[in-house]
Amino acid sequence: MTTEKNGAALPIVHVIGTGGSISAVGRSRIDFLDYSYGDRHFTIAEMLARVPEVHAIASVSSEQFANVGSGEVGPAHWLDLARRVNVIFREAPEPTGVAVSHGPATREDTA
């Protein structure tokens, strides 16, 4: 689903959620500093719902790949994630890009 802004098509972005501390959002929807890393983690759909402004800049779809602490993400996840991204571009070549929501502990490794 492509939407337009000022007559121009918005970029299509697919967001994949993996969990991590970024999914433990604070009291307000834009509090990414003073959050609690408790038992519950937001899904990527819940995180995107907290920032509806994203739809003004992109046509966004999402999926939950995992919902674990970023320190738990390792080689098996990386291979599965790479395969999933390849499938996304193969089956739906119109996305401008894929963004991976990830906590800080192993994001460099995943990247």
PDB file of N, CA and C in Angstrom:
ATOM      1  N   MET A   1       0.843  -1.168   0.000  1.00  0.00           N
ATOM      2  CA  MET A   1       0.000   0.000   0.000  1.00  0.00           C
ATOM      3  C   MET A   1       0.893   1.238   0.000  1.00  0.00           C
ATOM      4  N   THR A   2       0.854   1.967  -1.084  1.00  0.00           N
ATOM      5  CA  THR A   2       1.628   3.189  -1.201  1.00  0.00           C
ATOM      6  C   THR A   2       0.708   4.377  -0.967  1.00  0.00           C
ATOM      7  N   THR A   3       1.130   5.264  -0.141  1.00  0.00           N
ATOM      8  CA  THR A   3       0.378   6.488   0.073  1.00  0.00           C
ATOM      9  C   THR A   3       1.192   7.636  -0.498  1.00  0.00           C
ATOM     10  N   GLU A   4       0.550   8.770  -0.600  1.00  0.00           N
ATOM     11  CA  GLU A   4       1.237   9.922  -1.174  1.00  0.00           C
ATOM     12  C   GLU A   4       1.224  11.099  -0.225  1.00  0.00           C
ATOM     13  N   LYS A   5       2.224  11.928  -0.378  1.00  0.00           N
ATOM     14  CA  LYS A   5       2.313  13.190   0.359  1.00  0.00           C
ATOM     15  C   LYS A   5       2.734  14.241  -0.655  1.00  0.00           C
ATOM     16  N   ASN A   6       1.937  15.280  -0.766  1.00  0.00           N
ATOM     17  CA  ASN A   6       2.208  16.353  -1.733  1.00  0.00           C
ATOM     18  C   ASN A   6       2.368  15.815  -3.146  1.00  0.00           C
ATOM     19  N   GLY A   7       1.588  14.793  -3.500  1.00  0.00           N
ATOM     20  CA  GLY A   7       1.625  14.241  -4.843  1.00  0.00           C
ATOM     21  C   GLY A   7       2.746  13.257  -5.111  1.00  0.00           C
ATOM     22  N   ALA A   8       3.662  13.086  -4.178  1.00  0.00           N
ATOM     23  CA  ALA A   8       4.777  12.158  -4.370  1.00  0.00           C
ATOM     24  C   ALA A   8       4.546  10.900  -3.541  1.00  0.00           C
ATOM     25  N   ALA A   9       4.880   9.766  -4.122  1.00  0.00           N
ATOM     26  CA  ALA A   9       4.726   8.505  -3.406  1.00  0.00           C
ATOM     27  C   ALA A   9       5.689   8.451  -2.227  1.00  0.00           C
ATOM     28  N   LEU A  10       5.196   7.987  -1.108  1.00  0.00           N
ATOM     29  CA  LEU A  10       6.057   7.818   0.065  1.00  0.00           C
ATOM     30  C   LEU A  10       6.907   6.565  -0.109  1.00  0.00           C
ATOM     31  N   PRO A  11       8.103   6.558   0.440  1.00  0.00           N
ATOM     32  CA  PRO A  11       8.905   5.341   0.393  1.00  0.00           C
ATOM     33  C   PRO A  11       8.222   4.228   1.182  1.00  0.00           C
ATOM     34  N   ILE A  12       8.404   3.009   0.728  1.00  0.00           N
ATOM     35  CA  ILE A  12       7.841   1.845   1.399  1.00  0.00           C
ATOM     36  C   ILE A  12       8.946   1.227   2.246  1.00  0.00           C
ATOM     37  N   VAL A  13       8.696   1.119   3.550  1.00  0.00           N
ATOM     38  CA  VAL A  13       9.695   0.590   4.477  1.00  0.00           C
ATOM     39  C   VAL A  13       9.074  -0.549   5.274  1.00  0.00           C
ATOM     40  N   HIS A  14       9.778  -1.648   5.336  1.00  0.00           N
ATOM     41  CA  HIS A  14       9.345  -2.794   6.136  1.00  0.00           C
ATOM     42  C   HIS A  14      10.219  -2.819   7.388  1.00  0.00           C
ATOM     43  N   VAL A  15       9.585  -2.842   8.563  1.00  0.00           N
ATOM     44  CA  VAL A  15      10.310  -2.816   9.827  1.00  0.00           C
ATOM     45  C   VAL A  15      10.209  -4.183  10.483  1.00  0.00           C
ATOM     46  N   ILE A  16      11.363  -4.722  10.852  1.00  0.00           N
ATOM     47  CA  ILE A  16      11.426  -6.025  11.505  1.00  0.00           C
ATOM     48  C   ILE A  16      11.832  -5.819  12.960  1.00  0.00           C
ATOM     49  N   GLY A  17      11.015  -6.308  13.874  1.00  0.00           N
ATOM     50  CA  GLY A  17      11.309  -6.193  15.298  1.00  0.00           C
ATOM     51  C   GLY A  17      12.045  -7.414  15.813  1.00  0.00           C
ATOM     52  N   THR A  18      13.084  -7.168  16.620  1.00  0.00           N
ATOM     53  CA  THR A  18      13.837  -8.277  17.206  1.00  0.00           C
ATOM     54  C   THR A  18      13.833  -8.248  18.731  1.00  0.00           C
ATOM     55  N   GLY A  19      13.274  -7.178  19.321  1.00  0.00           N
ATOM     56  CA  GLY A  19      13.275  -7.065  20.779  1.00  0.00           C
ATOM     57  C   GLY A  19      14.402  -6.176  21.251  1.00  0.00           C
ATOM     58  N   GLY A  20      15.023  -6.555  22.342  1.00  0.00           N
ATOM     59  CA  GLY A  20      16.103  -5.754  22.910  1.00  0.00           C
ATOM     60  C   GLY A  20      15.564  -4.625  23.769  1.00  0.00           C
ATOM     61  N   SER A  21      16.462  -3.880  24.366  1.00  0.00           N
ATOM     62  CA  SER A  21      16.049  -2.821  25.285  1.00  0.00           C
ATOM     63  C   SER A  21      15.269  -1.719  24.591  1.00  0.00           C
ATOM     64  N   ILE A  22      15.414  -1.574  23.284  1.00  0.00           N
ATOM     65  CA  ILE A  22      14.626  -0.566  22.575  1.00  0.00           C
ATOM     66  C   ILE A  22      13.138  -0.880  22.659  1.00  0.00           C
ATOM     67  N   SER A  23      12.789  -2.143  22.877  1.00  0.00           N
ATOM     68  CA  SER A  23      11.375  -2.521  22.974  1.00  0.00           C
ATOM     69  C   SER A  23      10.816  -2.339  24.380  1.00  0.00           C
ATOM     70  N   ALA A  24      11.642  -1.895  25.312  1.00  0.00           N
ATOM     71  CA  ALA A  24      11.194  -1.603  26.677  1.00  0.00           C
ATOM     72  C   ALA A  24      11.088  -0.096  26.810  1.00  0.00           C
ATOM     73  N   VAL A  25      10.030   0.455  26.273  1.00  0.00           N
ATOM     74  CA  VAL A  25       9.863   1.901  26.179  1.00  0.00           C
ATOM     75  C   VAL A  25       9.400   2.469  27.514  1.00  0.00           C
ATOM     76  N   GLY A  26       9.776   3.704  27.788  1.00  0.00           N
ATOM     77  CA  GLY A  26       9.436   4.370  29.039  1.00  0.00           C
ATOM     78  C   GLY A  26       7.991   4.805  29.137  1.00  0.00           C
ATOM     79  N   ARG A  27       7.704   5.647  30.105  1.00  0.00           N
ATOM     80  CA  ARG A  27       6.321   6.075  30.375  1.00  0.00           C
ATOM     81  C   ARG A  27       5.690   6.839  29.225  1.00  0.00           C
ATOM     82  N   SER A  28       6.425   7.725  28.590  1.00  0.00           N
ATOM     83  CA  SER A  28       5.861   8.468  27.465  1.00  0.00           C
ATOM     84  C   SER A  28       6.282   7.787  26.166  1.00  0.00           C
ATOM     85  N   ARG A  29       5.575   8.076  25.100  1.00  0.00           N
ATOM     86  CA  ARG A  29       5.827   7.405  23.830  1.00  0.00           C
ATOM     87  C   ARG A  29       7.155   7.775  23.191  1.00  0.00           C
ATOM     88  N   ILE A  30       7.780   8.850  23.664  1.00  0.00           N
ATOM     89  CA  ILE A  30       9.067   9.241  23.094  1.00  0.00           C
ATOM     90  C   ILE A  30      10.208   9.124  24.101  1.00  0.00           C
ATOM     91  N   ASP A  31       9.983   8.404  25.177  1.00  0.00           N
ATOM     92  CA  ASP A  31      11.013   8.218  26.199  1.00  0.00           C
ATOM     93  C   ASP A  31      11.836   6.983  25.873  1.00  0.00           C
ATOM     94  N   PHE A  32      12.963   7.186  25.248  1.00  0.00           N
ATOM     95  CA  PHE A  32      13.859   6.087  24.909  1.00  0.00           C
ATOM     96  C   PHE A  32      15.110   6.113  25.791  1.00  0.00           C
ATOM     97  N   LEU A  33      15.091   6.919  26.847  1.00  0.00           N
ATOM     98  CA  LEU A  33      16.238   7.013  27.741  1.00  0.00           C
ATOM     99  C   LEU A  33      15.948   6.461  29.130  1.00  0.00           C
ATOM    100  N   ASP A  34      14.804   6.822  29.694  1.00  0.00           N
ATOM    101  CA  ASP A  34      14.478   6.425  31.063  1.00  0.00           C
ATOM    102  C   ASP A  34      13.416   5.327  31.041  1.00  0.00           C
ATOM    103  N   TYR A  35      13.791   4.183  30.513  1.00  0.00           N
ATOM    104  CA  TYR A  35      12.848   3.089  30.387  1.00  0.00           C
ATOM    105  C   TYR A  35      13.208   1.979  31.355  1.00  0.00           C
ATOM    106  N   SER A  36      12.265   1.110  31.566  1.00  0.00           N
ATOM    107  CA  SER A  36      12.469  -0.017  32.472  1.00  0.00           C
ATOM    108  C   SER A  36      12.634  -1.289  31.660  1.00  0.00           C
ATOM    109  N   TYR A  37      13.680  -2.004  31.910  1.00  0.00           N
ATOM    110  CA  TYR A  37      13.903  -3.264  31.204  1.00  0.00           C
ATOM    111  C   TYR A  37      13.274  -4.378  32.034  1.00  0.00           C
ATOM    112  N   GLY A  38      11.955  -4.408  32.040  1.00  0.00           N
ATOM    113  CA  GLY A  38      11.207  -5.379  32.838  1.00  0.00           C
ATOM    114  C   GLY A  38      10.899  -6.640  32.069  1.00  0.00           C
ATOM    115  N   ASP A  39       9.891  -7.324  32.531  1.00  0.00           N
ATOM    116  CA  ASP A  39       9.512  -8.593  31.918  1.00  0.00           C
ATOM    117  C   ASP A  39       8.802  -8.430  30.583  1.00  0.00           C
ATOM    118  N   ARG A  40       8.140  -7.321  30.377  1.00  0.00           N
ATOM    119  CA  ARG A  40       7.362  -7.134  29.164  1.00  0.00           C
ATOM    120  C   ARG A  40       8.086  -6.252  28.168  1.00  0.00           C
ATOM    121  N   HIS A  41       8.066  -6.697  26.930  1.00  0.00           N
ATOM    122  CA  HIS A  41       8.648  -5.922  25.839  1.00  0.00           C
ATOM    123  C   HIS A  41       7.555  -5.617  24.833  1.00  0.00           C
ATOM    124  N   PHE A  42       7.566  -4.415  24.287  1.00  0.00           N
ATOM    125  CA  PHE A  42       6.606  -4.063  23.262  1.00  0.00           C
ATOM    126  C   PHE A  42       6.939  -4.807  21.979  1.00  0.00           C
ATOM    127  N   THR A  43       5.910  -5.172  21.232  1.00  0.00           N
ATOM    128  CA  THR A  43       6.125  -5.732  19.898  1.00  0.00           C
ATOM    129  C   THR A  43       6.438  -4.572  18.958  1.00  0.00           C
ATOM    130  N   ILE A  44       6.905  -4.881  17.769  1.00  0.00           N
ATOM    131  CA  ILE A  44       7.200  -3.815  16.810  1.00  0.00           C
ATOM    132  C   ILE A  44       5.920  -3.084  16.418  1.00  0.00           C
ATOM    133  N   ALA A  45       4.796  -3.780  16.336  1.00  0.00           N
ATOM    134  CA  ALA A  45       3.520  -3.123  16.025  1.00  0.00           C
ATOM    135  C   ALA A  45       3.145  -2.132  17.125  1.00  0.00           C
ATOM    136  N   GLU A  46       3.347  -2.521  18.380  1.00  0.00           N
ATOM    137  CA  GLU A  46       3.062  -1.615  19.498  1.00  0.00           C
ATOM    138  C   GLU A  46       4.005  -0.414  19.486  1.00  0.00           C
ATOM    139  N   MET A  47       5.268  -0.648  19.163  1.00  0.00           N
ATOM    140  CA  MET A  47       6.224   0.454  19.115  1.00  0.00           C
ATOM    141  C   MET A  47       5.859   1.444  18.019  1.00  0.00           C
ATOM    142  N   LEU A  48       5.507   0.953  16.844  1.00  0.00           N
ATOM    143  CA  LEU A  48       5.131   1.837  15.746  1.00  0.00           C
ATOM    144  C   LEU A  48       3.837   2.583  16.051  1.00  0.00           C
ATOM    145  N   ALA A  49       2.908   1.935  16.746  1.00  0.00           N
ATOM    146  CA  ALA A  49       1.650   2.592  17.113  1.00  0.00           C
ATOM    147  C   ALA A  49       1.892   3.778  18.043  1.00  0.00           C
ATOM    148  N   ARG A  50       2.981   3.742  18.799  1.00  0.00           N
ATOM    149  CA  ARG A  50       3.311   4.835  19.709  1.00  0.00           C
ATOM    150  C   ARG A  50       3.922   6.037  18.986  1.00  0.00           C
ATOM    151  N   VAL A  51       4.273   5.862  17.728  1.00  0.00           N
ATOM    152  CA  VAL A  51       4.860   6.946  16.933  1.00  0.00           C
ATOM    153  C   VAL A  51       4.101   7.040  15.599  1.00  0.00           C
ATOM    154  N   PRO A  52       2.845   7.468  15.630  1.00  0.00           N
ATOM    155  CA  PRO A  52       2.047   7.500  14.404  1.00  0.00           C
ATOM    156  C   PRO A  52       2.593   8.460  13.346  1.00  0.00           C
ATOM    157  N   GLU A  53       3.431   9.395  13.745  1.00  0.00           N
ATOM    158  CA  GLU A  53       4.017  10.349  12.796  1.00  0.00           C
ATOM    159  C   GLU A  53       4.842   9.658  11.711  1.00  0.00           C
ATOM    160  N   VAL A  54       5.267   8.437  11.962  1.00  0.00           N
ATOM    161  CA  VAL A  54       6.073   7.719  10.978  1.00  0.00           C
ATOM    162  C   VAL A  54       5.325   7.577   9.653  1.00  0.00           C
ATOM    163  N   HIS A  55       3.994   7.512   9.719  1.00  0.00           N
ATOM    164  CA  HIS A  55       3.199   7.331   8.505  1.00  0.00           C
ATOM    165  C   HIS A  55       3.151   8.582   7.641  1.00  0.00           C
ATOM    166  N   ALA A  56       3.620   9.700   8.160  1.00  0.00           N
ATOM    167  CA  ALA A  56       3.713  10.927   7.366  1.00  0.00           C
ATOM    168  C   ALA A  56       4.953  10.917   6.473  1.00  0.00           C
ATOM    169  N   ILE A  57       5.910  10.056   6.793  1.00  0.00           N
ATOM    170  CA  ILE A  57       7.154  10.042   6.015  1.00  0.00           C
ATOM    171  C   ILE A  57       7.393   8.748   5.257  1.00  0.00           C
ATOM    172  N   ALA A  58       6.613   7.697   5.559  1.00  0.00           N
ATOM    173  CA  ALA A  58       6.802   6.424   4.871  1.00  0.00           C
ATOM    174  C   ALA A  58       5.547   5.569   4.968  1.00  0.00           C
ATOM    175  N   SER A  59       5.393   4.704   4.001  1.00  0.00           N
ATOM    176  CA  SER A  59       4.370   3.674   4.067  1.00  0.00           C
ATOM    177  C   SER A  59       5.031   2.490   4.763  1.00  0.00           C
ATOM    178  N   VAL A  60       4.566   2.166   5.967  1.00  0.00           N
ATOM    179  CA  VAL A  60       5.279   1.220   6.825  1.00  0.00           C
ATOM    180  C   VAL A  60       4.493  -0.071   7.015  1.00  0.00           C
ATOM    181  N   SER A  61       5.195  -1.188   6.860  1.00  0.00           N
ATOM    182  CA  SER A  61       4.673  -2.493   7.258  1.00  0.00           C
ATOM    183  C   SER A  61       5.659  -3.048   8.270  1.00  0.00           C
ATOM    184  N   SER A  62       5.212  -4.015   9.057  1.00  0.00           N
ATOM    185  CA  SER A  62       6.119  -4.533  10.083  1.00  0.00           C
ATOM    186  C   SER A  62       5.855  -6.004  10.352  1.00  0.00           C
ATOM    187  N   GLU A  63       6.828  -6.613  10.998  1.00  0.00           N
ATOM    188  CA  GLU A  63       6.680  -7.992  11.457  1.00  0.00           C
ATOM    189  C   GLU A  63       7.573  -8.203  12.669  1.00  0.00           C
ATOM    190  N   GLN A  64       7.155  -9.120  13.510  1.00  0.00           N
ATOM    191  CA  GLN A  64       7.934  -9.460  14.702  1.00  0.00           C
ATOM    192  C   GLN A  64       8.771 -10.691  14.381  1.00  0.00           C
ATOM    193  N   PHE A  65      10.070 -10.507  14.258  1.00  0.00           N
ATOM    194  CA  PHE A  65      10.994 -11.604  13.959  1.00  0.00           C
ATOM    195  C   PHE A  65      11.350 -12.359  15.236  1.00  0.00           C
ATOM    196  N   ALA A  66      11.608 -11.610  16.299  1.00  0.00           N
ATOM    197  CA  ALA A  66      11.935 -12.159  17.618  1.00  0.00           C
ATOM    198  C   ALA A  66      11.565 -11.102  18.643  1.00  0.00           C
ATOM    199  N   ASN A  67      11.534 -11.469  19.900  1.00  0.00           N
ATOM    200  CA  ASN A  67      11.314 -10.477  20.958  1.00  0.00           C
ATOM    201  C   ASN A  67      12.146 -10.908  22.158  1.00  0.00           C
ATOM    202  N   VAL A  68      13.456 -10.817  21.974  1.00  0.00           N
ATOM    203  CA  VAL A  68      14.419 -11.274  22.976  1.00  0.00           C
ATOM    204  C   VAL A  68      15.386 -10.143  23.302  1.00  0.00           C
ATOM    205  N   GLY A  69      16.127 -10.283  24.371  1.00  0.00           N
ATOM    206  CA  GLY A  69      17.181  -9.336  24.687  1.00  0.00           C
ATOM    207  C   GLY A  69      18.219  -9.359  23.582  1.00  0.00           C
ATOM    208  N   SER A  70      18.766  -8.210  23.240  1.00  0.00           N
ATOM    209  CA  SER A  70      19.712  -8.172  22.119  1.00  0.00           C
ATOM    210  C   SER A  70      20.950  -9.021  22.370  1.00  0.00           C
ATOM    211  N   GLY A  71      21.294  -9.252  23.621  1.00  0.00           N
ATOM    212  CA  GLY A  71      22.420 -10.131  23.929  1.00  0.00           C
ATOM    213  C   GLY A  71      22.154 -11.587  23.595  1.00  0.00           C
ATOM    214  N   GLU A  72      20.875 -11.920  23.396  1.00  0.00           N
ATOM    215  CA  GLU A  72      20.512 -13.287  23.028  1.00  0.00           C
ATOM    216  C   GLU A  72      20.524 -13.514  21.519  1.00  0.00           C
ATOM    217  N   VAL A  73      20.718 -12.448  20.744  1.00  0.00           N
ATOM    218  CA  VAL A  73      20.738 -12.563  19.295  1.00  0.00           C
ATOM    219  C   VAL A  73      22.140 -12.996  18.872  1.00  0.00           C
ATOM    220  N   GLY A  74      22.204 -14.073  18.123  1.00  0.00           N
ATOM    221  CA  GLY A  74      23.506 -14.602  17.713  1.00  0.00           C
ATOM    222  C   GLY A  74      23.500 -15.094  16.283  1.00  0.00           C
ATOM    223  N   PRO A  75      24.504 -15.865  15.902  1.00  0.00           N
ATOM    224  CA  PRO A  75      24.669 -16.296  14.511  1.00  0.00           C
ATOM    225  C   PRO A  75      23.436 -16.949  13.877  1.00  0.00           C
ATOM    226  N   ALA A  76      22.734 -17.792  14.596  1.00  0.00           N
ATOM    227  CA  ALA A  76      21.540 -18.431  14.019  1.00  0.00           C
ATOM    228  C   ALA A  76      20.484 -17.380  13.684  1.00  0.00           C
ATOM    229  N   HIS A  77      20.286 -16.398  14.592  1.00  0.00           N
ATOM    230  CA  HIS A  77      19.340 -15.316  14.320  1.00  0.00           C
ATOM    231  C   HIS A  77      19.795 -14.494  13.117  1.00  0.00           C
ATOM    232  N   TRP A  78      21.096 -14.203  13.046  1.00  0.00           N
ATOM    233  CA  TRP A  78      21.610 -13.378  11.960  1.00  0.00           C
ATOM    234  C   TRP A  78      21.345 -14.020  10.606  1.00  0.00           C
ATOM    235  N   LEU A  79      21.588 -15.321  10.510  1.00  0.00           N
ATOM    236  CA  LEU A  79      21.336 -16.018   9.247  1.00  0.00           C
ATOM    237  C   LEU A  79      19.853 -16.007   8.904  1.00  0.00           C
ATOM    238  N   ASP A  80      19.011 -16.291   9.886  1.00  0.00           N
ATOM    239  CA  ASP A  80      17.566 -16.283   9.646  1.00  0.00           C
ATOM    240  C   ASP A  80      17.079 -14.886   9.266  1.00  0.00           C
ATOM    241  N   LEU A  81      17.616 -13.871   9.909  1.00  0.00           N
ATOM    242  CA  LEU A  81      17.234 -12.504   9.606  1.00  0.00           C
ATOM    243  C   LEU A  81      17.666 -12.122   8.188  1.00  0.00           C
ATOM    244  N   ALA A  82      18.882 -12.475   7.809  1.00  0.00           N
ATOM    245  CA  ALA A  82      19.358 -12.192   6.450  1.00  0.00           C
ATOM    246  C   ALA A  82      18.486 -12.899   5.421  1.00  0.00           C
ATOM    247  N   ARG A  83      18.131 -14.133   5.700  1.00  0.00           N
ATOM    248  CA  ARG A  83      17.242 -14.869   4.787  1.00  0.00           C
ATOM    249  C   ARG A  83      15.887 -14.179   4.676  1.00  0.00           C
ATOM    250  N   ARG A  84      15.361 -13.714   5.813  1.00  0.00           N
ATOM    251  CA  ARG A  84      14.054 -13.060   5.807  1.00  0.00           C
ATOM    252  C   ARG A  84      14.085 -11.773   4.984  1.00  0.00           C
ATOM    253  N   VAL A  85      15.139 -10.983   5.144  1.00  0.00           N
ATOM    254  CA  VAL A  85      15.268  -9.745   4.369  1.00  0.00           C
ATOM    255  C   VAL A  85      15.333 -10.067   2.880  1.00  0.00           C
ATOM    256  N   ASN A  86      16.078 -11.095   2.509  1.00  0.00           N
ATOM    257  CA  ASN A  86      16.153 -11.499   1.099  1.00  0.00           C
ATOM    258  C   ASN A  86      14.787 -11.906   0.563  1.00  0.00           C
ATOM    259  N   VAL A  87      14.007 -12.625   1.358  1.00  0.00           N
ATOM    260  CA  VAL A  87      12.658 -13.027   0.945  1.00  0.00           C
ATOM    261  C   VAL A  87      11.772 -11.797   0.752  1.00  0.00           C
ATOM    262  N   ILE A  88      11.875 -10.840   1.656  1.00  0.00           N
ATOM    263  CA  ILE A  88      11.065  -9.619   1.540  1.00  0.00           C
ATOM    264  C   ILE A  88      11.328  -8.943   0.199  1.00  0.00           C
ATOM    265  N   PHE A  89      12.589  -8.757  -0.166  1.00  0.00           N
ATOM    266  CA  PHE A  89      12.911  -8.090  -1.426  1.00  0.00           C
ATOM    267  C   PHE A  89      12.584  -8.956  -2.641  1.00  0.00           C
ATOM    268  N   ARG A  90      12.665 -10.261  -2.498  1.00  0.00           N
ATOM    269  CA  ARG A  90      12.348 -11.153  -3.607  1.00  0.00           C
ATOM    270  C   ARG A  90      10.837 -11.193  -3.860  1.00  0.00           C
ATOM    271  N   GLU A  91      10.044 -11.263  -2.784  1.00  0.00           N
ATOM    272  CA  GLU A  91       8.596 -11.398  -2.929  1.00  0.00           C
ATOM    273  C   GLU A  91       7.883 -10.063  -3.111  1.00  0.00           C
ATOM    274  N   ALA A  92       8.434  -9.007  -2.597  1.00  0.00           N
ATOM    275  CA  ALA A  92       7.821  -7.677  -2.697  1.00  0.00           C
ATOM    276  C   ALA A  92       8.928  -6.676  -3.010  1.00  0.00           C
ATOM    277  N   PRO A  93       9.343  -6.600  -4.271  1.00  0.00           N
ATOM    278  CA  PRO A  93      10.501  -5.761  -4.606  1.00  0.00           C
ATOM    279  C   PRO A  93      10.275  -4.258  -4.488  1.00  0.00           C
ATOM    280  N   GLU A  94       9.043  -3.823  -4.207  1.00  0.00           N
ATOM    281  CA  GLU A  94       8.810  -2.384  -4.129  1.00  0.00           C
ATOM    282  C   GLU A  94       9.304  -1.704  -2.860  1.00  0.00           C
ATOM    283  N   PRO A  95       9.610  -2.410  -1.754  1.00  0.00           N
ATOM    284  CA  PRO A  95      10.111  -1.665  -0.585  1.00  0.00           C
ATOM    285  C   PRO A  95      11.396  -0.901  -0.891  1.00  0.00           C
ATOM    286  N   THR A  96      11.448   0.325  -0.375  1.00  0.00           N
ATOM    287  CA  THR A  96      12.658   1.130  -0.478  1.00  0.00           C
ATOM    288  C   THR A  96      13.742   0.549   0.416  1.00  0.00           C
ATOM    289  N   GLY A  97      13.316   0.000   1.554  1.00  0.00           N
ATOM    290  CA  GLY A  97      14.281  -0.558   2.476  1.00  0.00           C
ATOM    291  C   GLY A  97      13.629  -1.354   3.576  1.00  0.00           C
ATOM    292  N   VAL A  98      14.479  -1.994   4.339  1.00  0.00           N
ATOM    293  CA  VAL A  98      14.067  -2.762   5.505  1.00  0.00           C
ATOM    294  C   VAL A  98      14.832  -2.201   6.696  1.00  0.00           C
ATOM    295  N   ALA A  99      14.114  -1.899   7.768  1.00  0.00           N
ATOM    296  CA  ALA A  99      14.744  -1.422   8.997  1.00  0.00           C
ATOM    297  C   ALA A  99      14.595  -2.514  10.050  1.00  0.00           C
ATOM    298  N   VAL A 100      15.648  -2.741  10.802  1.00  0.00           N
ATOM    299  CA  VAL A 100      15.620  -3.751  11.856  1.00  0.00           C
ATOM    300  C   VAL A 100      15.696  -3.037  13.198  1.00  0.00           C
ATOM    301  N   SER A 101      14.649  -3.219  14.007  1.00  0.00           N
ATOM    302  CA  SER A 101      14.628  -2.658  15.354  1.00  0.00           C
ATOM    303  C   SER A 101      15.418  -3.605  16.244  1.00  0.00           C
ATOM    304  N   HIS A 102      16.412  -3.058  16.958  1.00  0.00           N
ATOM    305  CA  HIS A 102      17.354  -3.913  17.672  1.00  0.00           C
ATOM    306  C   HIS A 102      17.885  -3.178  18.895  1.00  0.00           C
ATOM    307  N   GLY A 103      18.083  -3.880  19.959  1.00  0.00           N
ATOM    308  CA  GLY A 103      18.708  -3.295  21.139  1.00  0.00           C
ATOM    309  C   GLY A 103      20.193  -3.077  20.909  1.00  0.00           C
ATOM    310  N   PRO A 104      20.873  -2.387  21.828  1.00  0.00           N
ATOM    311  CA  PRO A 104      22.254  -1.994  21.608  1.00  0.00           C
ATOM    312  C   PRO A 104      23.320  -3.061  21.849  1.00  0.00           C
ATOM    313  N   ALA A 105      23.017  -4.134  22.568  1.00  0.00           N
ATOM    314  CA  ALA A 105      24.069  -5.061  22.988  1.00  0.00           C
ATOM    315  C   ALA A 105      24.810  -5.712  21.820  1.00  0.00           C
ATOM    316  N   THR A 106      24.119  -6.082  20.770  1.00  0.00           N
ATOM    317  CA  THR A 106      24.774  -6.771  19.666  1.00  0.00           C
ATOM    318  C   THR A 106      24.402  -6.187  18.317  1.00  0.00           C
ATOM    319  N   ARG A 107      23.940  -4.950  18.272  1.00  0.00           N
ATOM    320  CA  ARG A 107      23.483  -4.388  16.991  1.00  0.00           C
ATOM    321  C   ARG A 107      24.601  -4.314  15.972  1.00  0.00           C
ATOM    322  N   GLU A 108      25.829  -4.072  16.393  1.00  0.00           N
ATOM    323  CA  GLU A 108      26.947  -4.021  15.434  1.00  0.00           C
ATOM    324  C   GLU A 108      27.136  -5.391  14.788  1.00  0.00           C
ATOM    325  N   ASP A 109      27.007  -6.432  15.591  1.00  0.00           N
ATOM    326  CA  ASP A 109      27.165  -7.777  15.060  1.00  0.00           C
ATOM    327  C   ASP A 109      26.059  -8.109  14.076  1.00  0.00           C
ATOM    328  N   THR A 110      24.831  -7.737  14.419  1.00  0.00           N
ATOM    329  CA  THR A 110      23.714  -7.991  13.529  1.00  0.00           C
ATOM    330  C   THR A 110      23.845  -7.190  12.244  1.00  0.00           C
ATOM    331  N   ALA A 111      24.285  -5.945  12.358  1.00  0.00           N
ATOM    332  CA  ALA A 111      24.470  -5.116  11.166  1.00  0.00           C
ATOM    333  C   ALA A 111      25.496  -5.744  10.235  1.00  0.00           C
TER     334      ALA A 111
END
